[in-house]
């Protein structure tokens, strides 16, 4: 998914099981998102820390309105995207 079409950015790591699960659920639902690996991008890691009280907790999703969710369920993601539409 390209960042230009994504309405949500998922901050993730390659080894995060919760990230893989949410990615596959969002793929099944046809939800566009971009992925940023916080282990490869120090600035992204800082964003995640700011949202999560200093912790690098993933998945952290940041939406087009600047709000964030940490380890949300698919239902929470869909609800948030519907509110932004």
C-alpha atoms as a PDB file:
ATOM      1  CA  UNK A   1       0.000   0.000   0.000  1.00  0.00           C
ATOM      2  CA  UNK A   2       1.391   3.392  -0.826  1.00  0.00           C
ATOM      3  CA  UNK A   3       1.475   6.125   1.762  1.00  0.00           C
ATOM      4  CA  UNK A   4      -0.440   8.444  -0.574  1.00  0.00           C
ATOM      5  CA  UNK A   5      -3.523   6.199  -0.535  1.00  0.00           C
ATOM      6  CA  UNK A   6      -3.278   5.113   3.090  1.00  0.00           C
ATOM      7  CA  UNK A   7      -5.491   6.763   5.656  1.00  0.00           C
ATOM      8  CA  UNK A   8      -3.631   5.077   8.490  1.00  0.00           C
ATOM      9  CA  UNK A   9       0.013   4.384   9.279  1.00  0.00           C
ATOM     10  CA  UNK A  10       0.917   1.268  11.230  1.00  0.00           C
ATOM     11  CA  UNK A  11       4.119   1.434  13.231  1.00  0.00           C
ATOM     12  CA  UNK A  12       5.372  -2.106  13.529  1.00  0.00           C
ATOM     13  CA  UNK A  13       8.311  -4.500  13.871  1.00  0.00           C
ATOM     14  CA  UNK A  14       8.983  -7.607  11.752  1.00  0.00           C
ATOM     15  CA  UNK A  15       8.735  -9.923  14.783  1.00  0.00           C
ATOM     16  CA  UNK A  16       5.496  -8.538  16.272  1.00  0.00           C
ATOM     17  CA  UNK A  17       2.769 -11.186  16.218  1.00  0.00           C
ATOM     18  CA  UNK A  18       0.027  -8.662  17.023  1.00  0.00           C
ATOM     19  CA  UNK A  19       1.212  -6.572  14.061  1.00  0.00           C
ATOM     20  CA  UNK A  20       1.065  -9.535  11.668  1.00  0.00           C
ATOM     21  CA  UNK A  21      -2.424 -10.432  12.867  1.00  0.00           C
ATOM     22  CA  UNK A  22      -3.772  -6.894  12.470  1.00  0.00           C
ATOM     23  CA  UNK A  23      -2.128  -6.519   9.037  1.00  0.00           C
ATOM     24  CA  UNK A  24      -3.788  -9.700   7.774  1.00  0.00           C
ATOM     25  CA  UNK A  25      -7.169  -8.625   9.190  1.00  0.00           C
ATOM     26  CA  UNK A  26      -6.888  -5.188   7.576  1.00  0.00           C
ATOM     27  CA  UNK A  27      -5.797  -6.787   4.279  1.00  0.00           C
ATOM     28  CA  UNK A  28      -8.875  -9.052   4.336  1.00  0.00           C
ATOM     29  CA  UNK A  29     -11.104  -6.015   4.928  1.00  0.00           C
ATOM     30  CA  UNK A  30      -9.438  -4.022   2.140  1.00  0.00           C
ATOM     31  CA  UNK A  31      -8.273  -1.291   4.530  1.00  0.00           C
ATOM     32  CA  UNK A  32      -5.415   0.751   3.061  1.00  0.00           C
ATOM     33  CA  UNK A  33      -2.476   1.398   5.352  1.00  0.00           C
ATOM     34  CA  UNK A  34       1.226   2.064   5.237  1.00  0.00           C
ATOM     35  CA  UNK A  35       3.709   0.267   7.461  1.00  0.00           C
ATOM     36  CA  UNK A  36       6.737   1.805   9.153  1.00  0.00           C
ATOM     37  CA  UNK A  37       9.277  -0.495  10.826  1.00  0.00           C
ATOM     38  CA  UNK A  38      10.343   1.293  14.005  1.00  0.00           C
ATOM     39  CA  UNK A  39      13.537  -0.776  14.157  1.00  0.00           C
ATOM     40  CA  UNK A  40      14.650   0.681  10.805  1.00  0.00           C
ATOM     41  CA  UNK A  41      13.402   4.250  11.381  1.00  0.00           C
ATOM     42  CA  UNK A  42      14.542   5.962  14.607  1.00  0.00           C
ATOM     43  CA  UNK A  43      12.164   8.901  14.024  1.00  0.00           C
ATOM     44  CA  UNK A  44       9.253   6.467  13.837  1.00  0.00           C
ATOM     45  CA  UNK A  45      10.353   4.874  17.096  1.00  0.00           C
ATOM     46  CA  UNK A  46      10.226   8.330  18.712  1.00  0.00           C
ATOM     47  CA  UNK A  47       6.666   8.860  17.430  1.00  0.00           C
ATOM     48  CA  UNK A  48       5.608   5.543  18.958  1.00  0.00           C
ATOM     49  CA  UNK A  49       7.291   6.440  22.252  1.00  0.00           C
ATOM     50  CA  UNK A  50       5.503   9.817  22.352  1.00  0.00           C
ATOM     51  CA  UNK A  51       2.118   8.139  21.850  1.00  0.00           C
ATOM     52  CA  UNK A  52       2.795   5.356  24.365  1.00  0.00           C
ATOM     53  CA  UNK A  53       4.327   7.107  27.365  1.00  0.00           C
ATOM     54  CA  UNK A  54       7.925   6.329  26.399  1.00  0.00           C
ATOM     55  CA  UNK A  55       7.288   2.721  25.366  1.00  0.00           C
ATOM     56  CA  UNK A  56       7.877   1.268  21.909  1.00  0.00           C
ATOM     57  CA  UNK A  57       4.544  -0.564  21.863  1.00  0.00           C
ATOM     58  CA  UNK A  58       3.434  -1.940  18.500  1.00  0.00           C
ATOM     59  CA  UNK A  59       1.261  -2.029  16.595  1.00  0.00           C
ATOM     60  CA  UNK A  60       0.618   1.666  17.004  1.00  0.00           C
ATOM     61  CA  UNK A  61      -1.731   3.132  14.385  1.00  0.00           C
ATOM     62  CA  UNK A  62      -1.724   6.847  13.580  1.00  0.00           C
ATOM     63  CA  UNK A  63      -4.663   8.219  11.611  1.00  0.00           C
ATOM     64  CA  UNK A  64      -5.006  11.104   9.177  1.00  0.00           C
ATOM     65  CA  UNK A  65      -6.395  13.329  11.956  1.00  0.00           C
ATOM     66  CA  UNK A  66      -3.261  12.775  14.054  1.00  0.00           C
ATOM     67  CA  UNK A  67      -4.887  10.522  16.642  1.00  0.00           C
ATOM     68  CA  UNK A  68      -3.396   7.143  17.530  1.00  0.00           C
ATOM     69  CA  UNK A  69      -4.426   3.725  18.800  1.00  0.00           C
ATOM     70  CA  UNK A  70      -2.137   1.144  20.369  1.00  0.00           C
ATOM     71  CA  UNK A  71      -2.773  -2.518  19.570  1.00  0.00           C
ATOM     72  CA  UNK A  72      -6.370  -1.871  18.475  1.00  0.00           C
ATOM     73  CA  UNK A  73      -8.806  -4.573  17.451  1.00  0.00           C
ATOM     74  CA  UNK A  74     -10.028  -4.665  13.857  1.00  0.00           C
ATOM     75  CA  UNK A  75     -13.399  -3.389  15.105  1.00  0.00           C
ATOM     76  CA  UNK A  76     -11.697  -0.372  16.729  1.00  0.00           C
ATOM     77  CA  UNK A  77      -9.820   0.387  13.500  1.00  0.00           C
ATOM     78  CA  UNK A  78     -13.001   0.172  11.418  1.00  0.00           C
ATOM     79  CA  UNK A  79     -14.893   2.362  13.903  1.00  0.00           C
ATOM     80  CA  UNK A  80     -12.153   5.015  13.824  1.00  0.00           C
ATOM     81  CA  UNK A  81     -11.950   5.014  10.024  1.00  0.00           C
ATOM     82  CA  UNK A  82     -15.735   5.320   9.772  1.00  0.00           C
ATOM     83  CA  UNK A  83     -15.608   8.365  12.085  1.00  0.00           C
ATOM     84  CA  UNK A  84     -12.966   9.954   9.846  1.00  0.00           C
ATOM     85  CA  UNK A  85     -14.900   9.314   6.622  1.00  0.00           C
END
